[in-house]
Each structure stands twice: as C-alpha cells, then as structure tokens.
Amino acid sequence: YVVPVDRVVVVTRDVLVTRGWTVYRVEHSGPNRTIWARRGDDHIVRIFASPHGERVVVRGLREERERGDRGKHKGWSKRGQPRDIIAEIDVRLRGRG
C-alpha cells in the first residue's frame, strides 16, 4: 500500500475492534509497527506493518493458547495468518470500504 504506516495502524485498530478484538499494544521498532490484539484469554493476533520504500507491507499471525496451559509465554501455538482480518484491512486501505 502506498499509505503512511500510521494510517495502516489506524485502519488495523478499527478492523480489529469492529471484529471483537481488544488492541492492547502497538510496538514501534524503527519504522515498523506491530499491533497486538486479544480476544478473551486464549486468542492473540499480531499484525505487522513494515515500510518498504514508498509502500507498506501488512502481514499477520494468529496464536492460540493450548488447553489447560496457563504458564507465562508457554503453551502458545501459531494458527496461521488471520486472512479475514488482512482481507478487510486490504479493502479499507484500497478505499473500497
């Protein structure tokens, strides 16, 4: 997308909140942003916005806590990309929604 990375963060937050996620952290690492959101105690999604020249690349990762494991940072497994969230971000950033 040829948009400022801060615009991607705003759109991503809106998409996540609309879908029932709670955004609890936005990390800044140089020009990159990582948006953390959770749904309940057992579902986390991270959306990464990384500038590459004039464009911003958006990707994501969904994680889920294994049943019965309440240890700190233990028992989490990757569940792939949150394709539905990325698709809605895509629609909004392209101005079709």
PDB file of N, CA and C in Angstrom:
ATOM      1  N   TYR A   1       0.842  -1.177   0.000  1.00  0.00           N
ATOM      2  CA  TYR A   1       0.000   0.000   0.000  1.00  0.00           C
ATOM      3  C   TYR A   1       0.877   1.227   0.000  1.00  0.00           C
ATOM      4  N   VAL A   2       0.498   2.212  -0.738  1.00  0.00           N
ATOM      5  CA  VAL A   2       1.219   3.471  -0.742  1.00  0.00           C
ATOM      6  C   VAL A   2       0.449   4.411   0.180  1.00  0.00           C
ATOM      7  N   VAL A   3       0.611   4.176   1.473  1.00  0.00           N
ATOM      8  CA  VAL A   3      -0.009   4.983   2.520  1.00  0.00           C
ATOM      9  C   VAL A   3       0.994   5.074   3.669  1.00  0.00           C
ATOM     10  N   PRO A   4       0.850   6.082   4.531  1.00  0.00           N
ATOM     11  CA  PRO A   4       1.736   6.160   5.694  1.00  0.00           C
ATOM     12  C   PRO A   4       1.481   4.975   6.641  1.00  0.00           C
ATOM     13  N   VAL A   5       2.541   4.516   7.296  1.00  0.00           N
ATOM     14  CA  VAL A   5       2.410   3.380   8.206  1.00  0.00           C
ATOM     15  C   VAL A   5       1.423   3.694   9.335  1.00  0.00           C
ATOM     16  N   ASP A   6       1.335   4.962   9.746  1.00  0.00           N
ATOM     17  CA  ASP A   6       0.387   5.325  10.803  1.00  0.00           C
ATOM     18  C   ASP A   6      -1.061   5.141  10.341  1.00  0.00           C
ATOM     19  N   ARG A   7      -1.322   5.333   9.055  1.00  0.00           N
ATOM     20  CA  ARG A   7      -2.670   5.086   8.507  1.00  0.00           C
ATOM     21  C   ARG A   7      -2.998   3.592   8.592  1.00  0.00           C
ATOM     22  N   VAL A   8      -2.018   2.747   8.331  1.00  0.00           N
ATOM     23  CA  VAL A   8      -2.215   1.301   8.437  1.00  0.00           C
ATOM     24  C   VAL A   8      -2.569   0.934   9.880  1.00  0.00           C
ATOM     25  N   VAL A   9      -1.900   1.553  10.845  1.00  0.00           N
ATOM     26  CA  VAL A   9      -2.181   1.274  12.261  1.00  0.00           C
ATOM     27  C   VAL A   9      -3.610   1.668  12.610  1.00  0.00           C
ATOM     28  N   VAL A  10      -4.059   2.835  12.174  1.00  0.00           N
ATOM     29  CA  VAL A  10      -5.416   3.299  12.462  1.00  0.00           C
ATOM     30  C   VAL A  10      -6.454   2.353  11.855  1.00  0.00           C
ATOM     31  N   VAL A  11      -6.266   1.992  10.607  1.00  0.00           N
ATOM     32  CA  VAL A  11      -7.203   1.090   9.927  1.00  0.00           C
ATOM     33  C   VAL A  11      -7.200  -0.279  10.596  1.00  0.00           C
ATOM     34  N   THR A  12      -6.027  -0.785  10.932  1.00  0.00           N
ATOM     35  CA  THR A  12      -5.924  -2.096  11.574  1.00  0.00           C
ATOM     36  C   THR A  12      -6.629  -2.112  12.917  1.00  0.00           C
ATOM     37  N   ARG A  13      -6.421  -1.074  13.721  1.00  0.00           N
ATOM     38  CA  ARG A  13      -7.109  -0.987  15.027  1.00  0.00           C
ATOM     39  C   ARG A  13      -8.618  -1.014  14.827  1.00  0.00           C
ATOM     40  N   ASP A  14      -9.099  -0.242  13.868  1.00  0.00           N
ATOM     41  CA  ASP A  14     -10.538  -0.171  13.620  1.00  0.00           C
ATOM     42  C   ASP A  14     -11.095  -1.533  13.199  1.00  0.00           C
ATOM     43  N   VAL A  15     -10.391  -2.211  12.299  1.00  0.00           N
ATOM     44  CA  VAL A  15     -10.828  -3.533  11.840  1.00  0.00           C
ATOM     45  C   VAL A  15     -10.863  -4.510  13.011  1.00  0.00           C
ATOM     46  N   LEU A  16      -9.818  -4.514  13.823  1.00  0.00           N
ATOM     47  CA  LEU A  16      -9.758  -5.453  14.948  1.00  0.00           C
ATOM     48  C   LEU A  16     -10.876  -5.194  15.959  1.00  0.00           C
ATOM     49  N   VAL A  17     -11.068  -3.947  16.332  1.00  0.00           N
ATOM     50  CA  VAL A  17     -12.105  -3.610  17.308  1.00  0.00           C
ATOM     51  C   VAL A  17     -13.491  -3.953  16.767  1.00  0.00           C
ATOM     52  N   THR A  18     -13.725  -3.662  15.496  1.00  0.00           N
ATOM     53  CA  THR A  18     -15.008  -3.984  14.868  1.00  0.00           C
ATOM     54  C   THR A  18     -15.280  -5.483  14.914  1.00  0.00           C
ATOM     55  N   ARG A  19     -14.238  -6.291  14.823  1.00  0.00           N
ATOM     56  CA  ARG A  19     -14.372  -7.750  14.823  1.00  0.00           C
ATOM     57  C   ARG A  19     -14.336  -8.355  16.231  1.00  0.00           C
ATOM     58  N   GLY A  20     -14.334  -7.517  17.266  1.00  0.00           N
ATOM     59  CA  GLY A  20     -14.408  -8.023  18.633  1.00  0.00           C
ATOM     60  C   GLY A  20     -13.082  -8.254  19.325  1.00  0.00           C
ATOM     61  N   TRP A  21     -11.989  -7.780  18.742  1.00  0.00           N
ATOM     62  CA  TRP A  21     -10.676  -7.913  19.361  1.00  0.00           C
ATOM     63  C   TRP A  21     -10.402  -6.679  20.215  1.00  0.00           C
ATOM     64  N   THR A  22      -9.571  -6.822  21.230  1.00  0.00           N
ATOM     65  CA  THR A  22      -9.127  -5.706  22.061  1.00  0.00           C
ATOM     66  C   THR A  22      -7.665  -5.440  21.746  1.00  0.00           C
ATOM     67  N   VAL A  23      -7.383  -4.270  21.201  1.00  0.00           N
ATOM     68  CA  VAL A  23      -5.996  -3.890  20.897  1.00  0.00           C
ATOM     69  C   VAL A  23      -5.364  -3.440  22.209  1.00  0.00           C
ATOM     70  N   TYR A  24      -4.275  -4.112  22.592  1.00  0.00           N
ATOM     71  CA  TYR A  24      -3.670  -3.779  23.873  1.00  0.00           C
ATOM     72  C   TYR A  24      -2.231  -3.281  23.768  1.00  0.00           C
ATOM     73  N   ARG A  25      -1.653  -3.299  22.576  1.00  0.00           N
ATOM     74  CA  ARG A  25      -0.289  -2.786  22.440  1.00  0.00           C
ATOM     75  C   ARG A  25       0.004  -2.492  20.975  1.00  0.00           C
ATOM     76  N   VAL A  26       0.694  -1.371  20.753  1.00  0.00           N
ATOM     77  CA  VAL A  26       1.249  -1.059  19.434  1.00  0.00           C
ATOM     78  C   VAL A  26       2.729  -0.796  19.661  1.00  0.00           C
ATOM     79  N   GLU A  27       3.566  -1.683  19.144  1.00  0.00           N
ATOM     80  CA  GLU A  27       5.015  -1.548  19.310  1.00  0.00           C
ATOM     81  C   GLU A  27       5.611  -0.790  18.133  1.00  0.00           C
ATOM     82  N   HIS A  28       6.561   0.081  18.438  1.00  0.00           N
ATOM     83  CA  HIS A  28       7.306   0.812  17.428  1.00  0.00           C
ATOM     84  C   HIS A  28       8.719   0.250  17.438  1.00  0.00           C
ATOM     85  N   SER A  29       9.167  -0.219  16.308  1.00  0.00           N
ATOM     86  CA  SER A  29      10.541  -0.688  16.167  1.00  0.00           C
ATOM     87  C   SER A  29      11.099  -0.027  14.916  1.00  0.00           C
ATOM     88  N   GLY A  30      11.685   1.138  15.111  1.00  0.00           N
ATOM     89  CA  GLY A  30      12.108   1.937  13.960  1.00  0.00           C
ATOM     90  C   GLY A  30      10.878   2.321  13.159  1.00  0.00           C
ATOM     91  N   PRO A  31      10.871   2.080  11.853  1.00  0.00           N
ATOM     92  CA  PRO A  31       9.705   2.430  11.038  1.00  0.00           C
ATOM     93  C   PRO A  31       8.604   1.372  11.102  1.00  0.00           C
ATOM     94  N   ASN A  32       8.893   0.202  11.660  1.00  0.00           N
ATOM     95  CA  ASN A  32       7.924  -0.900  11.705  1.00  0.00           C
ATOM     96  C   ASN A  32       6.962  -0.755  12.873  1.00  0.00           C
ATOM     97  N   ARG A  33       5.763  -1.308  12.697  1.00  0.00           N
ATOM     98  CA  ARG A  33       4.763  -1.323  13.767  1.00  0.00           C
ATOM     99  C   ARG A  33       4.235  -2.741  13.933  1.00  0.00           C
ATOM    100  N   THR A  34       4.021  -3.143  15.181  1.00  0.00           N
ATOM    101  CA  THR A  34       3.368  -4.408  15.487  1.00  0.00           C
ATOM    102  C   THR A  34       2.159  -4.090  16.340  1.00  0.00           C
ATOM    103  N   ILE A  35       0.980  -4.485  15.872  1.00  0.00           N
ATOM    104  CA  ILE A  35      -0.273  -4.244  16.589  1.00  0.00           C
ATOM    105  C   ILE A  35      -0.685  -5.564  17.231  1.00  0.00           C
ATOM    106  N   TRP A  36      -0.799  -5.572  18.551  1.00  0.00           N
ATOM    107  CA  TRP A  36      -1.185  -6.755  19.314  1.00  0.00           C
ATOM    108  C   TRP A  36      -2.643  -6.619  19.730  1.00  0.00           C
ATOM    109  N   ALA A  37      -3.406  -7.687  19.564  1.00  0.00           N
ATOM    110  CA  ALA A  37      -4.812  -7.684  20.000  1.00  0.00           C
ATOM    111  C   ALA A  37      -5.152  -9.056  20.553  1.00  0.00           C
ATOM    112  N   ARG A  38      -6.140  -9.077  21.439  1.00  0.00           N
ATOM    113  CA  ARG A  38      -6.564 -10.351  22.012  1.00  0.00           C
ATOM    114  C   ARG A  38      -8.073 -10.439  22.019  1.00  0.00           C
ATOM    115  N   ARG A  39      -8.540 -11.671  22.027  1.00  0.00           N
ATOM    116  CA  ARG A  39      -9.962 -11.971  22.174  1.00  0.00           C
ATOM    117  C   ARG A  39     -10.030 -13.000  23.292  1.00  0.00           C
ATOM    118  N   GLY A  40     -10.528 -12.559  24.450  1.00  0.00           N
ATOM    119  CA  GLY A  40     -10.522 -13.433  25.615  1.00  0.00           C
ATOM    120  C   GLY A  40      -9.096 -13.636  26.093  1.00  0.00           C
ATOM    121  N   ASP A  41      -8.879 -14.731  26.815  1.00  0.00           N
ATOM    122  CA  ASP A  41      -7.544 -15.017  27.336  1.00  0.00           C
ATOM    123  C   ASP A  41      -6.758 -15.978  26.462  1.00  0.00           C
ATOM    124  N   ASP A  42      -7.398 -16.569  25.482  1.00  0.00           N
ATOM    125  CA  ASP A  42      -6.760 -17.658  24.751  1.00  0.00           C
ATOM    126  C   ASP A  42      -6.473 -17.390  23.278  1.00  0.00           C
ATOM    127  N   HIS A  43      -6.757 -16.197  22.794  1.00  0.00           N
ATOM    128  CA  HIS A  43      -6.547 -15.892  21.374  1.00  0.00           C
ATOM    129  C   HIS A  43      -5.819 -14.562  21.232  1.00  0.00           C
ATOM    130  N   ILE A  44      -4.727 -14.579  20.488  1.00  0.00           N
ATOM    131  CA  ILE A  44      -3.940 -13.372  20.233  1.00  0.00           C
ATOM    132  C   ILE A  44      -3.683 -13.271  18.738  1.00  0.00           C
ATOM    133  N   VAL A  45      -3.685 -12.043  18.264  1.00  0.00           N
ATOM    134  CA  VAL A  45      -3.310 -11.799  16.876  1.00  0.00           C
ATOM    135  C   VAL A  45      -2.287 -10.668  16.871  1.00  0.00           C
ATOM    136  N   ARG A  46      -1.292 -10.807  15.998  1.00  0.00           N
ATOM    137  CA  ARG A  46      -0.308  -9.749  15.788  1.00  0.00           C
ATOM    138  C   ARG A  46      -0.333  -9.370  14.319  1.00  0.00           C
ATOM    139  N   ILE A  47      -0.449  -8.078  14.067  1.00  0.00           N
ATOM    140  CA  ILE A  47      -0.418  -7.562  12.697  1.00  0.00           C
ATOM    141  C   ILE A  47       0.846  -6.723  12.573  1.00  0.00           C
ATOM    142  N   PHE A  48       1.620  -7.009  11.533  1.00  0.00           N
ATOM    143  CA  PHE A  48       2.893  -6.331  11.306  1.00  0.00           C
ATOM    144  C   PHE A  48       2.757  -5.395  10.110  1.00  0.00           C
ATOM    145  N   ALA A  49       3.156  -4.136  10.293  1.00  0.00           N
ATOM    146  CA  ALA A  49       3.167  -3.151   9.209  1.00  0.00           C
ATOM    147  C   ALA A  49       4.613  -2.704   9.032  1.00  0.00           C
ATOM    148  N   SER A  50       5.180  -3.014   7.868  1.00  0.00           N
ATOM    149  CA  SER A  50       6.590  -2.726   7.613  1.00  0.00           C
ATOM    150  C   SER A  50       6.746  -1.908   6.340  1.00  0.00           C
ATOM    151  N   PRO A  51       7.266  -0.678   6.460  1.00  0.00           N
ATOM    152  CA  PRO A  51       7.506   0.133   5.268  1.00  0.00           C
ATOM    153  C   PRO A  51       8.632  -0.444   4.420  1.00  0.00           C
ATOM    154  N   HIS A  52       8.436  -0.463   3.116  1.00  0.00           N
ATOM    155  CA  HIS A  52       9.451  -0.862   2.139  1.00  0.00           C
ATOM    156  C   HIS A  52       9.434   0.184   1.038  1.00  0.00           C
ATOM    157  N   GLY A  53      10.335   1.154   1.124  1.00  0.00           N
ATOM    158  CA  GLY A  53      10.317   2.259   0.175  1.00  0.00           C
ATOM    159  C   GLY A  53       9.074   3.108   0.400  1.00  0.00           C
ATOM    160  N   GLU A  54       8.287   3.325  -0.655  1.00  0.00           N
ATOM    161  CA  GLU A  54       7.056   4.104  -0.537  1.00  0.00           C
ATOM    162  C   GLU A  54       5.873   3.247  -0.130  1.00  0.00           C
ATOM    163  N   ARG A  55       6.045   1.961  -0.099  1.00  0.00           N
ATOM    164  CA  ARG A  55       4.941   1.037   0.206  1.00  0.00           C
ATOM    165  C   ARG A  55       5.024   0.516   1.633  1.00  0.00           C
ATOM    166  N   VAL A  56       3.884   0.023   2.133  1.00  0.00           N
ATOM    167  CA  VAL A  56       3.818  -0.617   3.441  1.00  0.00           C
ATOM    168  C   VAL A  56       3.300  -2.036   3.237  1.00  0.00           C
ATOM    169  N   VAL A  57       4.030  -3.013   3.766  1.00  0.00           N
ATOM    170  CA  VAL A  57       3.643  -4.414   3.681  1.00  0.00           C
ATOM    171  C   VAL A  57       2.928  -4.781   4.980  1.00  0.00           C
ATOM    172  N   VAL A  58       1.771  -5.450   4.860  1.00  0.00           N
ATOM    173  CA  VAL A  58       0.994  -5.854   6.027  1.00  0.00           C
ATOM    174  C   VAL A  58       0.907  -7.372   6.042  1.00  0.00           C
ATOM    175  N   ARG A  59       1.234  -7.959   7.191  1.00  0.00           N
ATOM    176  CA  ARG A  59       1.092  -9.405   7.369  1.00  0.00           C
ATOM    177  C   ARG A  59       0.661  -9.653   8.801  1.00  0.00           C
ATOM    178  N   GLY A  60       0.229 -10.866   9.088  1.00  0.00           N
ATOM    179  CA  GLY A  60      -0.266 -11.142  10.426  1.00  0.00           C
ATOM    180  C   GLY A  60       0.000 -12.556  10.877  1.00  0.00           C
ATOM    181  N   LEU A  61      -0.209 -12.797  12.175  1.00  0.00           N
ATOM    182  CA  LEU A  61      -0.028 -14.103  12.778  1.00  0.00           C
ATOM    183  C   LEU A  61      -1.056 -14.268  13.896  1.00  0.00           C
ATOM    184  N   ARG A  62      -1.772 -15.391  13.864  1.00  0.00           N
ATOM    185  CA  ARG A  62      -2.752 -15.689  14.901  1.00  0.00           C
ATOM    186  C   ARG A  62      -2.175 -16.792  15.793  1.00  0.00           C
ATOM    187  N   GLU A  63      -2.325 -16.619  17.103  1.00  0.00           N
ATOM    188  CA  GLU A  63      -1.848 -17.610  18.060  1.00  0.00           C
ATOM    189  C   GLU A  63      -2.974 -17.987  19.017  1.00  0.00           C
ATOM    190  N   GLU A  64      -2.880 -19.190  19.531  1.00  0.00           N
ATOM    191  CA  GLU A  64      -3.903 -19.689  20.438  1.00  0.00           C
ATOM    192  C   GLU A  64      -3.222 -20.451  21.572  1.00  0.00           C
ATOM    193  N   ARG A  65      -3.733 -20.269  22.786  1.00  0.00           N
ATOM    194  CA  ARG A  65      -3.181 -20.967  23.944  1.00  0.00           C
ATOM    195  C   ARG A  65      -3.684 -22.399  23.954  1.00  0.00           C
ATOM    196  N   GLU A  66      -2.778 -23.324  24.219  1.00  0.00           N
ATOM    197  CA  GLU A  66      -3.157 -24.733  24.319  1.00  0.00           C
ATOM    198  C   GLU A  66      -4.054 -24.934  25.534  1.00  0.00           C
ATOM    199  N   ARG A  67      -4.970 -25.857  25.450  1.00  0.00           N
ATOM    200  CA  ARG A  67      -5.898 -26.133  26.561  1.00  0.00           C
ATOM    201  C   ARG A  67      -5.153 -26.471  27.843  1.00  0.00           C
ATOM    202  N   GLY A  68      -5.592 -25.851  28.931  1.00  0.00           N
ATOM    203  CA  GLY A  68      -5.067 -26.178  30.247  1.00  0.00           C
ATOM    204  C   GLY A  68      -3.729 -25.562  30.587  1.00  0.00           C
ATOM    205  N   ASP A  69      -3.072 -24.898  29.661  1.00  0.00           N
ATOM    206  CA  ASP A  69      -1.760 -24.329  29.943  1.00  0.00           C
ATOM    207  C   ASP A  69      -1.914 -22.849  30.271  1.00  0.00           C
ATOM    208  N   ARG A  70      -1.626 -22.483  31.490  1.00  0.00           N
ATOM    209  CA  ARG A  70      -1.726 -21.086  31.917  1.00  0.00           C
ATOM    210  C   ARG A  70      -0.368 -20.496  32.255  1.00  0.00           C
ATOM    211  N   GLY A  71       0.717 -21.137  31.832  1.00  0.00           N
ATOM    212  CA  GLY A  71       2.066 -20.640  32.088  1.00  0.00           C
ATOM    213  C   GLY A  71       2.362 -19.400  31.274  1.00  0.00           C
ATOM    214  N   LYS A  72       3.276 -18.610  31.762  1.00  0.00           N
ATOM    215  CA  LYS A  72       3.650 -17.380  31.082  1.00  0.00           C
ATOM    216  C   LYS A  72       4.435 -17.695  29.806  1.00  0.00           C
ATOM    217  N   HIS A  73       3.932 -17.278  28.682  1.00  0.00           N
ATOM    218  CA  HIS A  73       4.564 -17.464  27.372  1.00  0.00           C
ATOM    219  C   HIS A  73       4.773 -18.943  27.013  1.00  0.00           C
ATOM    220  N   LYS A  74       4.111 -19.825  27.706  1.00  0.00           N
ATOM    221  CA  LYS A  74       4.226 -21.250  27.382  1.00  0.00           C
ATOM    222  C   LYS A  74       2.870 -21.727  26.893  1.00  0.00           C
ATOM    223  N   GLY A  75       2.890 -22.712  26.068  1.00  0.00           N
ATOM    224  CA  GLY A  75       1.642 -23.299  25.620  1.00  0.00           C
ATOM    225  C   GLY A  75       0.939 -22.568  24.492  1.00  0.00           C
ATOM    226  N   TRP A  76       1.601 -21.602  23.867  1.00  0.00           N
ATOM    227  CA  TRP A  76       1.006 -20.882  22.747  1.00  0.00           C
ATOM    228  C   TRP A  76       1.432 -21.551  21.456  1.00  0.00           C
ATOM    229  N   SER A  77       0.502 -21.684  20.535  1.00  0.00           N
ATOM    230  CA  SER A  77       0.855 -22.261  19.235  1.00  0.00           C
ATOM    231  C   SER A  77       0.344 -21.357  18.119  1.00  0.00           C
ATOM    232  N   LYS A  78       1.100 -21.312  17.035  1.00  0.00           N
ATOM    233  CA  LYS A  78       0.735 -20.494  15.878  1.00  0.00           C
ATOM    234  C   LYS A  78      -0.399 -21.164  15.138  1.00  0.00           C
ATOM    235  N   ARG A  79      -1.350 -20.358  14.713  1.00  0.00           N
ATOM    236  CA  ARG A  79      -2.521 -20.860  13.988  1.00  0.00           C
ATOM    237  C   ARG A  79      -2.615 -20.299  12.584  1.00  0.00           C
ATOM    238  N   GLY A  80      -1.510 -19.774  12.076  1.00  0.00           N
ATOM    239  CA  GLY A  80      -1.507 -19.270  10.706  1.00  0.00           C
ATOM    240  C   GLY A  80      -1.846 -17.801  10.612  1.00  0.00           C
ATOM    241  N   GLN A  81      -2.061 -17.368   9.398  1.00  0.00           N
ATOM    242  CA  GLN A  81      -2.372 -15.967   9.143  1.00  0.00           C
ATOM    243  C   GLN A  81      -3.848 -15.686   9.398  1.00  0.00           C
ATOM    244  N   PRO A  82      -4.152 -14.523   9.952  1.00  0.00           N
ATOM    245  CA  PRO A  82      -5.545 -14.120  10.109  1.00  0.00           C
ATOM    246  C   PRO A  82      -6.060 -13.547   8.787  1.00  0.00           C
ATOM    247  N   ARG A  83      -6.304 -14.414   7.824  1.00  0.00           N
ATOM    248  CA  ARG A  83      -6.639 -13.985   6.460  1.00  0.00           C
ATOM    249  C   ARG A  83      -7.863 -13.070   6.402  1.00  0.00           C
ATOM    250  N   ASP A  84      -8.863 -13.333   7.241  1.00  0.00           N
ATOM    251  CA  ASP A  84     -10.063 -12.499   7.229  1.00  0.00           C
ATOM    252  C   ASP A  84      -9.757 -11.070   7.659  1.00  0.00           C
ATOM    253  N   ILE A  85      -8.898 -10.908   8.653  1.00  0.00           N
ATOM    254  CA  ILE A  85      -8.529  -9.574   9.128  1.00  0.00           C
ATOM    255  C   ILE A  85      -7.692  -8.863   8.070  1.00  0.00           C
ATOM    256  N   ILE A  86      -6.711  -9.552   7.515  1.00  0.00           N
ATOM    257  CA  ILE A  86      -5.853  -8.958   6.482  1.00  0.00           C
ATOM    258  C   ILE A  86      -6.687  -8.560   5.261  1.00  0.00           C
ATOM    259  N   ALA A  87      -7.660  -9.388   4.896  1.00  0.00           N
ATOM    260  CA  ALA A  87      -8.518  -9.072   3.744  1.00  0.00           C
ATOM    261  C   ALA A  87      -9.317  -7.793   3.989  1.00  0.00           C
ATOM    262  N   GLU A  88      -9.844  -7.611   5.204  1.00  0.00           N
ATOM    263  CA  GLU A  88     -10.618  -6.397   5.487  1.00  0.00           C
ATOM    264  C   GLU A  88      -9.716  -5.168   5.533  1.00  0.00           C
ATOM    265  N   ILE A  89      -8.515  -5.317   6.081  1.00  0.00           N
ATOM    266  CA  ILE A  89      -7.552  -4.209   6.064  1.00  0.00           C
ATOM    267  C   ILE A  89      -7.248  -3.832   4.618  1.00  0.00           C
ATOM    268  N   ASP A  90      -7.061  -4.827   3.769  1.00  0.00           N
ATOM    269  CA  ASP A  90      -6.797  -4.606   2.348  1.00  0.00           C
ATOM    270  C   ASP A  90      -7.912  -3.800   1.698  1.00  0.00           C
ATOM    271  N   VAL A  91      -9.156  -4.198   1.942  1.00  0.00           N
ATOM    272  CA  VAL A  91     -10.304  -3.496   1.355  1.00  0.00           C
ATOM    273  C   VAL A  91     -10.325  -2.038   1.801  1.00  0.00           C
ATOM    274  N   ARG A  92     -10.112  -1.807   3.082  1.00  0.00           N
ATOM    275  CA  ARG A  92     -10.174  -0.430   3.596  1.00  0.00           C
ATOM    276  C   ARG A  92      -9.017   0.431   3.107  1.00  0.00           C
ATOM    277  N   LEU A  93      -7.832  -0.142   3.042  1.00  0.00           N
ATOM    278  CA  LEU A  93      -6.684   0.658   2.588  1.00  0.00           C
ATOM    279  C   LEU A  93      -6.755   0.958   1.099  1.00  0.00           C
ATOM    280  N   ARG A  94      -7.396   0.112   0.360  1.00  0.00           N
ATOM    281  CA  ARG A  94      -7.541   0.356  -1.085  1.00  0.00           C
ATOM    282  C   ARG A  94      -8.723   1.290  -1.382  1.00  0.00           C
ATOM    283  N   GLY A  95      -9.441   1.690  -0.313  1.00  0.00           N
ATOM    284  CA  GLY A  95     -10.508   2.665  -0.477  1.00  0.00           C
ATOM    285  C   GLY A  95     -11.823   2.084  -0.956  1.00  0.00           C
ATOM    286  N   ARG A  96     -11.996   0.774  -0.782  1.00  0.00           N
ATOM    287  CA  ARG A  96     -13.246   0.154  -1.230  1.00  0.00           C
ATOM    288  C   ARG A  96     -14.184  -0.137  -0.070  1.00  0.00           C
ATOM    289  N   GLY A  97     -13.869   0.399   1.096  1.00  0.00           N
ATOM    290  CA  GLY A  97     -14.736   0.079   2.235  1.00  0.00           C
ATOM    291  C   GLY A  97     -14.690   1.091   3.294  1.00  0.00           C
TER     292      GLY A  97
END
